[in-house]
Amino acid sequence: MRIDWIAKLRHWLQTMAFCLAISFIQWAFNPERSYGVPMLYSLCIGFICWVWIDFGRHLFASSLETGWPKGLQGLVLVITGNLAGYFLGTYAADSWFGWSSWDAGPSRTQLRTSILITALAGIAVTYYFYSANKSAYLLRKMDEARAHVNEARLKLLETQLEPHMLFNTLANLRALISADPPRALQMLDHMIAYLRATLSASRAPMHPLQAEFDRLRDYLELMAVRMGPRLNYVLELPADLAQHPVPTLLLQPLVENAIQHGLEPKVNGGSITVRARHEAGWITLEVLDTGVGPPQGSATLDGFGLAQVRERLLATYGHHGTIKLLANSQEGTGASITFPLKI
C-alpha cells in the first residue's frame, strides 16, 4: 500500500483547523469557561477520528481506485471512526485534566453535550473529505477521458492524412508505369520503404522528431523520383531536439502543400527546407519552399493540410500550439509551427 504522506499531512492540518473552529464556536456560547477545555477535547476527538478513518480506508480493496470504500464498508468506517474518536478522544482529554467526563453533575453534563457536538461535527468533516476525494477522483477520470479523446482524435486525423498522401502517390505512380517503367519501379521501392516506416510509427500518436524527419526524407525521396532534378530538399534537425516527441505526420501536410502548390506549378521546380529550432522554452518547425507561392491574398489556413496540422496542434498542445504562414518577398512561401518545449 502506497501512502501519499503529503496528502496525509494536508488532511491532518485541515482536520485540526476544523477542530479549532468547532471548539471556538463552543467557547463563544460559554465564554465564562476556559477555551483550553473545549479546544483539547475537540483536538483529541478530531485526531482519533482522522487517524481511524483516513488510514483505515486504505485497508479496503474497494478504495484503491476512488480512495474511499464503497457502500456499507464506507458507512461502517465512518461510524466506527467517529465512535472511536468520541470515546478514545474523550478518555485522552480526561486523562490530561485528571477528571472523568462520565461523572454526575451539571458541569459534567454540559461538557458531555459539548463533546457530543464535537463528535457530530466529525461526521460533517468526514463528509467534506469524502466529497473532496470524490471530486479529485472524478477530475482524474475526466483527465484520462480527455487524454483518450485526444489520442483518438489524433488517430482519426492520421487516417485522414494517410489516404490523402497515398492516393496522390498512386496517381503519380500510375502515370509513370507506362511512361518510364524504371522510374516507376524506383518510386515503388521508395513507397514501400515509406509505408513501412509509416506503419511502424502509427502505433503511437507521438514519436521523436528524428522519426518525423526520417519519414519526411522517405517521402521527399519518393517525390524526387517523379520530379527529378526539379526537386531539391534540405532537412535541418539539431541533435538536441532529435528525441523530442511530436505528433506523427505533423510536418508532412506542409511538405505536400509546398510540392503541390509551390514547386510542381513552377517550370524549374525549386527547393524545400525543413528545419527545427528551439528558443526560450519553445520549439519552432519551419517548412520553406522556393516555389511559385500562393496567389495574392489567398494565403490562408483553410486548406486540407493546414487544417489538419492546426487540429493536431490543438489536440496535443491546446491553444499553446500555433501555425502561421510566413511572408516571403522573394519567391515561394513557408509555414511555421510553434509549441512549448514541454507539454
C-alpha atoms as a PDB file:
ATOM      1  CA  MET A   1       0.000   0.000   0.000  1.00  0.00           C
ATOM      2  CA  ARG A   2       1.491   3.297  -1.122  1.00  0.00           C
ATOM      3  CA  ILE A   3       0.581   6.255   1.102  1.00  0.00           C
ATOM      4  CA  ASP A   4       0.779   9.860  -0.032  1.00  0.00           C
ATOM      5  CA  TRP A   5       2.237  11.445   3.111  1.00  0.00           C
ATOM      6  CA  ILE A   6       1.923  14.961   1.740  1.00  0.00           C
ATOM      7  CA  ALA A   7      -1.831  14.403   1.323  1.00  0.00           C
ATOM      8  CA  LYS A   8      -1.999  12.905   4.813  1.00  0.00           C
ATOM      9  CA  LEU A   9      -0.295  15.974   6.279  1.00  0.00           C
ATOM     10  CA  ARG A  10      -2.728  18.220   4.419  1.00  0.00           C
ATOM     11  CA  HIS A  11      -5.704  16.221   5.727  1.00  0.00           C
ATOM     12  CA  TRP A  12      -4.363  16.365   9.282  1.00  0.00           C
ATOM     13  CA  LEU A  13      -3.884  20.135   9.167  1.00  0.00           C
ATOM     14  CA  GLN A  14      -7.366  20.600   7.725  1.00  0.00           C
ATOM     15  CA  THR A  15      -8.841  18.388  10.449  1.00  0.00           C
ATOM     16  CA  MET A  16      -7.078  20.324  13.188  1.00  0.00           C
ATOM     17  CA  ALA A  17      -8.319  23.595  11.673  1.00  0.00           C
ATOM     18  CA  PHE A  18     -11.890  22.277  11.740  1.00  0.00           C
ATOM     19  CA  CYS A  19     -11.457  21.203  15.368  1.00  0.00           C
ATOM     20  CA  LEU A  20     -10.190  24.618  16.409  1.00  0.00           C
ATOM     21  CA  ALA A  21     -13.114  26.292  14.655  1.00  0.00           C
ATOM     22  CA  ILE A  22     -15.616  23.987  16.367  1.00  0.00           C
ATOM     23  CA  SER A  23     -14.064  24.499  19.808  1.00  0.00           C
ATOM     24  CA  PHE A  24     -14.090  28.276  19.295  1.00  0.00           C
ATOM     25  CA  ILE A  25     -17.811  28.182  18.492  1.00  0.00           C
ATOM     26  CA  GLN A  26     -18.423  26.135  21.645  1.00  0.00           C
ATOM     27  CA  TRP A  27     -16.414  28.569  23.722  1.00  0.00           C
ATOM     28  CA  ALA A  28     -18.278  31.521  22.219  1.00  0.00           C
ATOM     29  CA  PHE A  29     -21.532  30.165  23.672  1.00  0.00           C
ATOM     30  CA  ASN A  30     -19.883  29.684  27.079  1.00  0.00           C
ATOM     31  CA  PRO A  31     -17.208  32.403  27.349  1.00  0.00           C
ATOM     32  CA  GLU A  32     -17.045  32.054  31.151  1.00  0.00           C
ATOM     33  CA  ARG A  33     -15.334  28.710  30.699  1.00  0.00           C
ATOM     34  CA  SER A  34     -11.668  28.386  29.733  1.00  0.00           C
ATOM     35  CA  TYR A  35     -11.143  27.981  25.971  1.00  0.00           C
ATOM     36  CA  GLY A  36      -8.476  25.348  26.604  1.00  0.00           C
ATOM     37  CA  VAL A  37     -11.041  22.760  27.751  1.00  0.00           C
ATOM     38  CA  PRO A  38     -13.197  22.517  24.583  1.00  0.00           C
ATOM     39  CA  MET A  39     -10.112  23.005  22.425  1.00  0.00           C
ATOM     40  CA  LEU A  40      -8.285  20.000  23.890  1.00  0.00           C
ATOM     41  CA  TYR A  41     -11.354  17.757  23.729  1.00  0.00           C
ATOM     42  CA  SER A  42     -12.048  18.830  20.155  1.00  0.00           C
ATOM     43  CA  LEU A  43      -8.434  18.250  19.050  1.00  0.00           C
ATOM     44  CA  CYS A  44      -8.250  14.826  20.703  1.00  0.00           C
ATOM     45  CA  ILE A  45     -11.548  13.643  19.224  1.00  0.00           C
ATOM     46  CA  GLY A  46     -10.696  15.047  15.788  1.00  0.00           C
ATOM     47  CA  PHE A  47      -7.236  13.484  15.780  1.00  0.00           C
ATOM     48  CA  ILE A  48      -8.546   9.998  16.638  1.00  0.00           C
ATOM     49  CA  CYS A  49     -11.283  10.307  14.013  1.00  0.00           C
ATOM     50  CA  TRP A  50      -8.779  11.373  11.392  1.00  0.00           C
ATOM     51  CA  VAL A  51      -6.311   8.537  12.101  1.00  0.00           C
ATOM     52  CA  TRP A  52      -9.062   5.921  12.200  1.00  0.00           C
ATOM     53  CA  ILE A  53     -10.813   6.986   9.001  1.00  0.00           C
ATOM     54  CA  ASP A  54      -8.013   8.395   6.837  1.00  0.00           C
ATOM     55  CA  PHE A  55      -5.675   5.447   7.418  1.00  0.00           C
ATOM     56  CA  GLY A  56      -8.422   2.853   7.808  1.00  0.00           C
ATOM     57  CA  ARG A  57      -9.831   3.472   4.340  1.00  0.00           C
ATOM     58  CA  HIS A  58      -6.647   2.058   2.780  1.00  0.00           C
ATOM     59  CA  LEU A  59      -7.432  -1.348   4.313  1.00  0.00           C
ATOM     60  CA  PHE A  60     -10.363  -1.840   1.928  1.00  0.00           C
ATOM     61  CA  ALA A  61      -9.675  -3.070  -1.595  1.00  0.00           C
ATOM     62  CA  SER A  62     -12.626  -1.072  -2.925  1.00  0.00           C
ATOM     63  CA  SER A  63     -10.854   2.183  -2.054  1.00  0.00           C
ATOM     64  CA  LEU A  64      -7.766   1.586  -4.218  1.00  0.00           C
ATOM     65  CA  GLU A  65      -9.214   3.452  -7.201  1.00  0.00           C
ATOM     66  CA  THR A  66     -11.594   6.001  -5.686  1.00  0.00           C
ATOM     67  CA  GLY A  67      -9.765   6.449  -2.375  1.00  0.00           C
ATOM     68  CA  TRP A  68     -12.916   5.636  -0.410  1.00  0.00           C
ATOM     69  CA  PRO A  69     -14.597   2.302   0.479  1.00  0.00           C
ATOM     70  CA  LYS A  70     -17.818   1.570  -1.344  1.00  0.00           C
ATOM     71  CA  GLY A  71     -21.270   1.076   0.121  1.00  0.00           C
ATOM     72  CA  LEU A  72     -21.639  -0.377   3.604  1.00  0.00           C
ATOM     73  CA  GLN A  73     -17.877  -0.541   4.150  1.00  0.00           C
ATOM     74  CA  GLY A  74     -17.562   3.232   3.916  1.00  0.00           C
ATOM     75  CA  LEU A  75     -20.534   3.780   6.223  1.00  0.00           C
ATOM     76  CA  VAL A  76     -19.150   1.386   8.858  1.00  0.00           C
ATOM     77  CA  LEU A  77     -15.752   3.071   8.662  1.00  0.00           C
ATOM     78  CA  VAL A  78     -17.263   6.499   9.342  1.00  0.00           C
ATOM     79  CA  ILE A  79     -19.458   5.292  12.231  1.00  0.00           C
ATOM     80  CA  THR A  80     -16.679   3.347  13.947  1.00  0.00           C
ATOM     81  CA  GLY A  81     -14.221   6.193  13.341  1.00  0.00           C
ATOM     82  CA  ASN A  82     -16.465   8.753  14.992  1.00  0.00           C
ATOM     83  CA  LEU A  83     -17.296   6.427  17.894  1.00  0.00           C
ATOM     84  CA  ALA A  84     -13.595   5.711  18.399  1.00  0.00           C
ATOM     85  CA  GLY A  85     -12.819   9.417  18.238  1.00  0.00           C
ATOM     86  CA  TYR A  86     -15.580  10.226  20.701  1.00  0.00           C
ATOM     87  CA  PHE A  87     -14.630   7.662  23.342  1.00  0.00           C
ATOM     88  CA  LEU A  88     -10.841   7.499  22.921  1.00  0.00           C
ATOM     89  CA  GLY A  89     -10.500  11.256  22.427  1.00  0.00           C
ATOM     90  CA  THR A  90     -12.619  11.934  25.491  1.00  0.00           C
ATOM     91  CA  TYR A  91     -10.548   9.491  27.535  1.00  0.00           C
ATOM     92  CA  ALA A  92      -7.302  11.137  26.387  1.00  0.00           C
ATOM     93  CA  ALA A  93      -8.541  14.639  27.302  1.00  0.00           C
ATOM     94  CA  ASP A  94      -9.932  13.385  30.635  1.00  0.00           C
ATOM     95  CA  SER A  95      -6.516  11.936  31.442  1.00  0.00           C
ATOM     96  CA  TRP A  96      -4.906  15.310  30.737  1.00  0.00           C
ATOM     97  CA  PHE A  97      -7.268  17.207  33.061  1.00  0.00           C
ATOM     98  CA  GLY A  98      -7.458  14.419  35.662  1.00  0.00           C
ATOM     99  CA  TRP A  99     -11.221  14.041  35.697  1.00  0.00           C
ATOM    100  CA  SER A 100     -13.901  11.876  34.151  1.00  0.00           C
ATOM    101  CA  SER A 101     -16.486  13.236  31.742  1.00  0.00           C
ATOM    102  CA  TRP A 102     -18.863  10.480  32.802  1.00  0.00           C
ATOM    103  CA  ASP A 103     -19.189  11.642  36.432  1.00  0.00           C
ATOM    104  CA  ALA A 104     -22.531  13.052  37.554  1.00  0.00           C
ATOM    105  CA  GLY A 105     -23.077  16.782  37.921  1.00  0.00           C
ATOM    106  CA  PRO A 106     -24.258  19.730  35.843  1.00  0.00           C
ATOM    107  CA  SER A 107     -20.788  20.754  34.693  1.00  0.00           C
ATOM    108  CA  ARG A 108     -20.031  17.245  33.509  1.00  0.00           C
ATOM    109  CA  THR A 109     -23.377  17.087  31.725  1.00  0.00           C
ATOM    110  CA  GLN A 110     -22.594  20.337  29.935  1.00  0.00           C
ATOM    111  CA  LEU A 111     -19.183  19.011  28.986  1.00  0.00           C
ATOM    112  CA  ARG A 112     -20.631  15.780  27.606  1.00  0.00           C
ATOM    113  CA  THR A 113     -23.009  17.850  25.473  1.00  0.00           C
ATOM    114  CA  SER A 114     -20.065  19.818  24.068  1.00  0.00           C
ATOM    115  CA  ILE A 115     -18.194  16.603  23.365  1.00  0.00           C
ATOM    116  CA  LEU A 116     -21.215  15.146  21.547  1.00  0.00           C
ATOM    117  CA  ILE A 117     -21.441  18.281  19.400  1.00  0.00           C
ATOM    118  CA  THR A 118     -17.780  17.843  18.510  1.00  0.00           C
ATOM    119  CA  ALA A 119     -18.346  14.200  17.582  1.00  0.00           C
ATOM    120  CA  LEU A 120     -21.315  15.070  15.363  1.00  0.00           C
ATOM    121  CA  ALA A 121     -19.236  17.739  13.700  1.00  0.00           C
ATOM    122  CA  GLY A 122     -16.770  14.975  12.860  1.00  0.00           C
ATOM    123  CA  ILE A 123     -19.412  13.450  10.606  1.00  0.00           C
ATOM    124  CA  ALA A 124     -19.667  16.725   8.699  1.00  0.00           C
ATOM    125  CA  VAL A 125     -15.872  16.927   8.413  1.00  0.00           C
ATOM    126  CA  THR A 126     -15.760  13.332   7.165  1.00  0.00           C
ATOM    127  CA  TYR A 127     -18.316  14.167   4.501  1.00  0.00           C
ATOM    128  CA  TYR A 128     -16.185  17.135   3.445  1.00  0.00           C
ATOM    129  CA  PHE A 129     -13.154  14.894   2.921  1.00  0.00           C
ATOM    130  CA  TYR A 130     -15.278  12.297   1.151  1.00  0.00           C
ATOM    131  CA  SER A 131     -16.636  14.926  -1.236  1.00  0.00           C
ATOM    132  CA  ALA A 132     -13.186  16.384  -1.877  1.00  0.00           C
ATOM    133  CA  ASN A 133     -11.755  12.918  -2.547  1.00  0.00           C
ATOM    134  CA  LYS A 134     -14.662  12.039  -4.834  1.00  0.00           C
ATOM    135  CA  SER A 135     -14.190  15.281  -6.765  1.00  0.00           C
ATOM    136  CA  ALA A 136     -10.476  14.568  -7.178  1.00  0.00           C
ATOM    137  CA  TYR A 137     -11.309  11.068  -8.433  1.00  0.00           C
ATOM    138  CA  LEU A 138     -13.807  12.432 -10.968  1.00  0.00           C
ATOM    139  CA  LEU A 139     -11.283  15.024 -12.143  1.00  0.00           C
ATOM    140  CA  ARG A 140      -8.690  12.284 -12.674  1.00  0.00           C
ATOM    141  CA  LYS A 141     -11.213  10.298 -14.695  1.00  0.00           C
ATOM    142  CA  MET A 142     -12.046  13.388 -16.752  1.00  0.00           C
ATOM    143  CA  ASP A 143      -8.351  13.945 -17.478  1.00  0.00           C
ATOM    144  CA  GLU A 144      -7.989  10.295 -18.519  1.00  0.00           C
ATOM    145  CA  ALA A 145     -11.044  10.555 -20.764  1.00  0.00           C
ATOM    146  CA  ARG A 146      -9.724  13.790 -22.278  1.00  0.00           C
ATOM    147  CA  ALA A 147      -6.382  12.101 -22.984  1.00  0.00           C
ATOM    148  CA  HIS A 148      -8.152   9.186 -24.683  1.00  0.00           C
ATOM    149  CA  VAL A 149     -10.267  11.592 -26.731  1.00  0.00           C
ATOM    150  CA  ASN A 150      -7.167  13.486 -27.868  1.00  0.00           C
ATOM    151  CA  GLU A 151      -5.435  10.232 -28.778  1.00  0.00           C
ATOM    152  CA  ALA A 152      -8.463   9.060 -30.753  1.00  0.00           C
ATOM    153  CA  ARG A 153      -8.660  12.455 -32.424  1.00  0.00           C
ATOM    154  CA  LEU A 154      -5.027  12.257 -33.490  1.00  0.00           C
ATOM    155  CA  LYS A 155      -5.582   8.752 -34.835  1.00  0.00           C
ATOM    156  CA  LEU A 156      -8.596   9.960 -36.824  1.00  0.00           C
ATOM    157  CA  LEU A 157      -6.596  12.838 -38.284  1.00  0.00           C
ATOM    158  CA  GLU A 158      -3.815  10.427 -39.217  1.00  0.00           C
ATOM    159  CA  THR A 159      -6.231   8.120 -41.043  1.00  0.00           C
ATOM    160  CA  GLN A 160      -7.482  11.160 -42.963  1.00  0.00           C
ATOM    161  CA  LEU A 161      -3.962  12.183 -43.929  1.00  0.00           C
ATOM    162  CA  GLU A 162      -2.613   8.786 -44.975  1.00  0.00           C
ATOM    163  CA  PRO A 163      -5.163   8.189 -47.783  1.00  0.00           C
ATOM    164  CA  HIS A 164      -4.702  11.782 -48.953  1.00  0.00           C
ATOM    165  CA  MET A 165      -0.976  11.210 -49.471  1.00  0.00           C
ATOM    166  CA  LEU A 166      -1.431   7.624 -50.689  1.00  0.00           C
ATOM    167  CA  PHE A 167      -3.914   8.486 -53.431  1.00  0.00           C
ATOM    168  CA  ASN A 168      -1.693  11.290 -54.718  1.00  0.00           C
ATOM    169  CA  THR A 169       1.291   8.940 -54.876  1.00  0.00           C
ATOM    170  CA  LEU A 170      -0.636   6.116 -56.562  1.00  0.00           C
ATOM    171  CA  ALA A 171      -1.892   8.536 -59.215  1.00  0.00           C
ATOM    172  CA  ASN A 172       1.683   9.620 -59.944  1.00  0.00           C
ATOM    173  CA  LEU A 173       2.860   6.004 -59.967  1.00  0.00           C
ATOM    174  CA  ARG A 174       0.165   5.034 -62.456  1.00  0.00           C
ATOM    175  CA  ALA A 175       1.313   7.765 -64.833  1.00  0.00           C
ATOM    176  CA  LEU A 176       4.944   6.640 -64.588  1.00  0.00           C
ATOM    177  CA  ILE A 177       4.275   2.940 -65.216  1.00  0.00           C
ATOM    178  CA  SER A 178       3.602   3.493 -68.892  1.00  0.00           C
ATOM    179  CA  ALA A 179       5.869   6.492 -69.417  1.00  0.00           C
ATOM    180  CA  ASP A 180       9.011   5.411 -67.521  1.00  0.00           C
ATOM    181  CA  PRO A 181       8.897   1.860 -66.029  1.00  0.00           C
ATOM    182  CA  PRO A 182      12.373   2.020 -64.376  1.00  0.00           C
ATOM    183  CA  ARG A 183      11.480   5.212 -62.557  1.00  0.00           C
ATOM    184  CA  ALA A 184       8.106   3.710 -61.639  1.00  0.00           C
ATOM    185  CA  LEU A 185       9.911   0.742 -60.077  1.00  0.00           C
ATOM    186  CA  GLN A 186      12.235   3.057 -58.174  1.00  0.00           C
ATOM    187  CA  MET A 187       9.240   5.065 -56.987  1.00  0.00           C
ATOM    188  CA  LEU A 188       7.501   1.874 -55.860  1.00  0.00           C
ATOM    189  CA  ASP A 189      10.584   0.883 -53.812  1.00  0.00           C
ATOM    190  CA  HIS A 190      10.582   4.245 -52.052  1.00  0.00           C
ATOM    191  CA  MET A 191       6.853   3.967 -51.481  1.00  0.00           C
ATOM    192  CA  ILE A 192       7.281   0.567 -49.802  1.00  0.00           C
ATOM    193  CA  ALA A 193      10.001   1.980 -47.538  1.00  0.00           C
ATOM    194  CA  TYR A 194       7.805   4.958 -46.672  1.00  0.00           C
ATOM    195  CA  LEU A 195       4.749   2.832 -45.881  1.00  0.00           C
ATOM    196  CA  ARG A 196       6.834   0.500 -43.725  1.00  0.00           C
ATOM    197  CA  ALA A 197       8.058   3.470 -41.685  1.00  0.00           C
ATOM    198  CA  THR A 198       4.526   4.893 -41.566  1.00  0.00           C
ATOM    199  CA  LEU A 199       3.010   1.661 -40.235  1.00  0.00           C
ATOM    200  CA  SER A 200       5.731   1.412 -37.612  1.00  0.00           C
ATOM    201  CA  ALA A 201       5.142   4.988 -36.431  1.00  0.00           C
ATOM    202  CA  SER A 202       1.334   4.715 -36.472  1.00  0.00           C
ATOM    203  CA  ARG A 203       1.326   2.520 -33.368  1.00  0.00           C
ATOM    204  CA  ALA A 204       1.571   5.654 -31.218  1.00  0.00           C
ATOM    205  CA  PRO A 205       0.170   9.182 -31.618  1.00  0.00           C
ATOM    206  CA  MET A 206       3.587  10.682 -30.811  1.00  0.00           C
ATOM    207  CA  HIS A 207       7.086   9.908 -31.998  1.00  0.00           C
ATOM    208  CA  PRO A 208      10.532  11.610 -31.856  1.00  0.00           C
ATOM    209  CA  LEU A 209      11.331  14.477 -34.181  1.00  0.00           C
ATOM    210  CA  GLN A 210      14.057  12.306 -35.668  1.00  0.00           C
ATOM    211  CA  ALA A 211      11.406   9.805 -36.791  1.00  0.00           C
ATOM    212  CA  GLU A 212       9.326  12.641 -38.238  1.00  0.00           C
ATOM    213  CA  PHE A 213      12.302  13.892 -40.258  1.00  0.00           C
ATOM    214  CA  ASP A 214      13.163  10.339 -41.366  1.00  0.00           C
ATOM    215  CA  ARG A 215       9.638   9.901 -42.700  1.00  0.00           C
ATOM    216  CA  LEU A 216       9.885  13.250 -44.491  1.00  0.00           C
ATOM    217  CA  ARG A 217      13.109  12.095 -46.092  1.00  0.00           C
ATOM    218  CA  ASP A 218      11.388   8.925 -47.345  1.00  0.00           C
ATOM    219  CA  TYR A 219       8.512  10.972 -48.713  1.00  0.00           C
ATOM    220  CA  LEU A 220      10.766  13.525 -50.397  1.00  0.00           C
ATOM    221  CA  GLU A 221      12.838  10.759 -51.966  1.00  0.00           C
ATOM    222  CA  LEU A 222       9.572   9.342 -53.274  1.00  0.00           C
ATOM    223  CA  MET A 223       8.665  12.705 -54.781  1.00  0.00           C
ATOM    224  CA  ALA A 224      12.190  13.174 -56.155  1.00  0.00           C
ATOM    225  CA  VAL A 225      11.731  10.086 -58.336  1.00  0.00           C
ATOM    226  CA  ARG A 226       8.758  11.737 -60.005  1.00  0.00           C
ATOM    227  CA  MET A 227      10.107  15.303 -60.192  1.00  0.00           C
ATOM    228  CA  GLY A 228      13.750  14.504 -60.830  1.00  0.00           C
ATOM    229  CA  PRO A 229      16.174  17.464 -60.678  1.00  0.00           C
ATOM    230  CA  ARG A 230      13.229  19.860 -60.261  1.00  0.00           C
ATOM    231  CA  LEU A 231      13.122  18.959 -56.566  1.00  0.00           C
ATOM    232  CA  ASN A 232      15.840  19.641 -54.005  1.00  0.00           C
ATOM    233  CA  TYR A 233      15.418  19.496 -50.265  1.00  0.00           C
ATOM    234  CA  VAL A 234      17.303  20.272 -47.059  1.00  0.00           C
ATOM    235  CA  LEU A 235      16.428  18.836 -43.624  1.00  0.00           C
ATOM    236  CA  GLU A 236      17.910  20.606 -40.599  1.00  0.00           C
ATOM    237  CA  LEU A 237      17.368  18.950 -37.217  1.00  0.00           C
ATOM    238  CA  PRO A 238      19.561  19.886 -34.221  1.00  0.00           C
ATOM    239  CA  ALA A 239      20.848  16.864 -32.316  1.00  0.00           C
ATOM    240  CA  ASP A 240      19.380  18.095 -29.016  1.00  0.00           C
ATOM    241  CA  LEU A 241      15.858  18.045 -30.496  1.00  0.00           C
ATOM    242  CA  ALA A 242      16.088  14.673 -32.235  1.00  0.00           C
ATOM    243  CA  GLN A 243      14.327  12.759 -29.455  1.00  0.00           C
ATOM    244  CA  HIS A 244      11.705  15.361 -28.589  1.00  0.00           C
ATOM    245  CA  PRO A 245       8.195  13.870 -29.064  1.00  0.00           C
ATOM    246  CA  VAL A 246       5.810  15.380 -31.621  1.00  0.00           C
ATOM    247  CA  PRO A 247       2.519  14.177 -33.155  1.00  0.00           C
ATOM    248  CA  THR A 248       3.046  11.811 -36.070  1.00  0.00           C
ATOM    249  CA  LEU A 249       2.570  13.271 -39.555  1.00  0.00           C
ATOM    250  CA  LEU A 250       2.802  16.805 -38.210  1.00  0.00           C
ATOM    251  CA  LEU A 251       5.042  18.206 -40.955  1.00  0.00           C
ATOM    252  CA  GLN A 252       4.107  16.078 -43.950  1.00  0.00           C
ATOM    253  CA  PRO A 253       0.944  18.044 -44.881  1.00  0.00           C
ATOM    254  CA  LEU A 254       3.055  21.200 -45.072  1.00  0.00           C
ATOM    255  CA  VAL A 255       5.639  19.488 -47.275  1.00  0.00           C
ATOM    256  CA  GLU A 256       2.845  18.130 -49.507  1.00  0.00           C
ATOM    257  CA  ASN A 257       1.420  21.631 -49.859  1.00  0.00           C
ATOM    258  CA  ALA A 258       4.833  23.019 -50.723  1.00  0.00           C
ATOM    259  CA  ILE A 259       5.272  20.479 -53.522  1.00  0.00           C
ATOM    260  CA  GLN A 260       1.723  20.552 -54.865  1.00  0.00           C
ATOM    261  CA  HIS A 261       1.119  24.314 -54.768  1.00  0.00           C
ATOM    262  CA  GLY A 262       4.653  25.675 -54.836  1.00  0.00           C
ATOM    263  CA  LEU A 263       7.117  23.515 -56.757  1.00  0.00           C
ATOM    264  CA  GLU A 264       5.010  21.495 -59.205  1.00  0.00           C
ATOM    265  CA  PRO A 265       3.449  24.543 -60.918  1.00  0.00           C
ATOM    266  CA  LYS A 266       6.921  26.075 -61.341  1.00  0.00           C
ATOM    267  CA  VAL A 267       8.696  25.076 -64.541  1.00  0.00           C
ATOM    268  CA  ASN A 268      12.136  24.834 -62.960  1.00  0.00           C
ATOM    269  CA  GLY A 269      10.867  23.404 -59.694  1.00  0.00           C
ATOM    270  CA  GLY A 270      12.697  24.541 -56.604  1.00  0.00           C
ATOM    271  CA  SER A 271      13.811  23.512 -53.144  1.00  0.00           C
ATOM    272  CA  ILE A 272      12.214  22.744 -49.813  1.00  0.00           C
ATOM    273  CA  THR A 273      13.856  23.448 -46.465  1.00  0.00           C
ATOM    274  CA  VAL A 274      12.531  21.850 -43.290  1.00  0.00           C
ATOM    275  CA  ARG A 275      14.205  22.919 -40.065  1.00  0.00           C
ATOM    276  CA  ALA A 276      13.693  22.787 -36.329  1.00  0.00           C
ATOM    277  CA  ARG A 277      14.985  25.122 -33.643  1.00  0.00           C
ATOM    278  CA  HIS A 278      14.214  25.952 -30.041  1.00  0.00           C
ATOM    279  CA  GLU A 279      14.454  29.128 -28.018  1.00  0.00           C
ATOM    280  CA  ALA A 280      13.286  30.178 -24.544  1.00  0.00           C
ATOM    281  CA  GLY A 281      11.246  27.032 -23.911  1.00  0.00           C
ATOM    282  CA  TRP A 282       9.564  26.928 -27.339  1.00  0.00           C
ATOM    283  CA  ILE A 283      10.135  24.766 -30.417  1.00  0.00           C
ATOM    284  CA  THR A 284       9.657  26.157 -33.906  1.00  0.00           C
ATOM    285  CA  LEU A 285       9.337  23.961 -37.023  1.00  0.00           C
ATOM    286  CA  GLU A 286       9.502  25.651 -40.416  1.00  0.00           C
ATOM    287  CA  VAL A 287       8.753  24.403 -43.928  1.00  0.00           C
ATOM    288  CA  LEU A 288      10.016  26.823 -46.589  1.00  0.00           C
ATOM    289  CA  ASP A 289       9.872  26.458 -50.377  1.00  0.00           C
ATOM    290  CA  THR A 290      11.066  28.442 -53.369  1.00  0.00           C
ATOM    291  CA  GLY A 291       8.017  27.693 -55.484  1.00  0.00           C
ATOM    292  CA  VAL A 292       5.520  30.000 -57.134  1.00  0.00           C
ATOM    293  CA  GLY A 293       3.946  30.970 -53.818  1.00  0.00           C
ATOM    294  CA  PRO A 294       0.227  31.440 -53.174  1.00  0.00           C
ATOM    295  CA  PRO A 295      -1.827  33.826 -55.321  1.00  0.00           C
ATOM    296  CA  GLN A 296      -2.080  37.332 -53.947  1.00  0.00           C
ATOM    297  CA  GLY A 297      -4.407  37.433 -50.943  1.00  0.00           C
ATOM    298  CA  SER A 298      -5.020  33.676 -50.845  1.00  0.00           C
ATOM    299  CA  ALA A 299      -2.565  32.707 -48.082  1.00  0.00           C
ATOM    300  CA  THR A 300      -4.975  31.245 -45.530  1.00  0.00           C
ATOM    301  CA  LEU A 301      -5.067  28.321 -43.127  1.00  0.00           C
ATOM    302  CA  ASP A 302      -8.222  26.805 -44.608  1.00  0.00           C
ATOM    303  CA  GLY A 303      -6.635  24.177 -46.864  1.00  0.00           C
ATOM    304  CA  PHE A 304      -6.881  20.468 -46.051  1.00  0.00           C
ATOM    305  CA  GLY A 305      -3.256  20.003 -44.996  1.00  0.00           C
ATOM    306  CA  LEU A 306      -3.022  23.190 -42.958  1.00  0.00           C
ATOM    307  CA  ALA A 307      -6.348  22.472 -41.267  1.00  0.00           C
ATOM    308  CA  GLN A 308      -5.077  19.021 -40.279  1.00  0.00           C
ATOM    309  CA  VAL A 309      -1.917  20.463 -38.767  1.00  0.00           C
ATOM    310  CA  ARG A 310      -3.936  23.037 -36.833  1.00  0.00           C
ATOM    311  CA  GLU A 311      -6.211  20.268 -35.488  1.00  0.00           C
ATOM    312  CA  ARG A 312      -3.217  18.166 -34.424  1.00  0.00           C
ATOM    313  CA  LEU A 313      -1.653  21.088 -32.587  1.00  0.00           C
ATOM    314  CA  LEU A 314      -4.926  21.824 -30.811  1.00  0.00           C
ATOM    315  CA  ALA A 315      -5.402  18.176 -29.799  1.00  0.00           C
ATOM    316  CA  THR A 316      -1.864  17.868 -28.422  1.00  0.00           C
ATOM    317  CA  TYR A 317      -0.888  21.300 -27.107  1.00  0.00           C
ATOM    318  CA  GLY A 318      -4.211  23.094 -26.735  1.00  0.00           C
ATOM    319  CA  HIS A 319      -4.013  26.805 -27.503  1.00  0.00           C
ATOM    320  CA  HIS A 320      -0.256  26.808 -26.864  1.00  0.00           C
ATOM    321  CA  GLY A 321       0.395  25.296 -30.305  1.00  0.00           C
ATOM    322  CA  THR A 322       0.165  27.693 -33.257  1.00  0.00           C
ATOM    323  CA  ILE A 323       0.704  27.625 -37.011  1.00  0.00           C
ATOM    324  CA  LYS A 324       1.173  30.604 -39.278  1.00  0.00           C
ATOM    325  CA  LEU A 325       2.152  31.297 -42.866  1.00  0.00           C
ATOM    326  CA  LEU A 326       5.431  33.112 -43.465  1.00  0.00           C
ATOM    327  CA  ALA A 327       5.582  36.007 -45.882  1.00  0.00           C
ATOM    328  CA  ASN A 328       8.316  35.826 -48.499  1.00  0.00           C
ATOM    329  CA  SER A 329       9.120  38.902 -50.538  1.00  0.00           C
ATOM    330  CA  GLN A 330      11.372  36.972 -52.948  1.00  0.00           C
ATOM    331  CA  GLU A 331       9.696  33.722 -54.020  1.00  0.00           C
ATOM    332  CA  GLY A 332       7.826  30.785 -52.588  1.00  0.00           C
ATOM    333  CA  THR A 333       6.160  30.610 -49.234  1.00  0.00           C
ATOM    334  CA  GLY A 334       6.506  28.915 -45.878  1.00  0.00           C
ATOM    335  CA  ALA A 335       4.742  27.802 -42.749  1.00  0.00           C
ATOM    336  CA  SER A 336       5.873  27.939 -39.134  1.00  0.00           C
ATOM    337  CA  ILE A 337       4.693  25.735 -36.260  1.00  0.00           C
ATOM    338  CA  THR A 338       5.370  26.752 -32.647  1.00  0.00           C
ATOM    339  CA  PHE A 339       4.646  24.789 -29.489  1.00  0.00           C
ATOM    340  CA  PRO A 340       6.098  24.559 -25.967  1.00  0.00           C
ATOM    341  CA  LEU A 341       9.235  22.520 -25.337  1.00  0.00           C
ATOM    342  CA  LYS A 342       7.418  20.797 -22.500  1.00  0.00           C
ATOM    343  CA  ILE A 343       3.784  19.788 -22.791  1.00  0.00           C
END
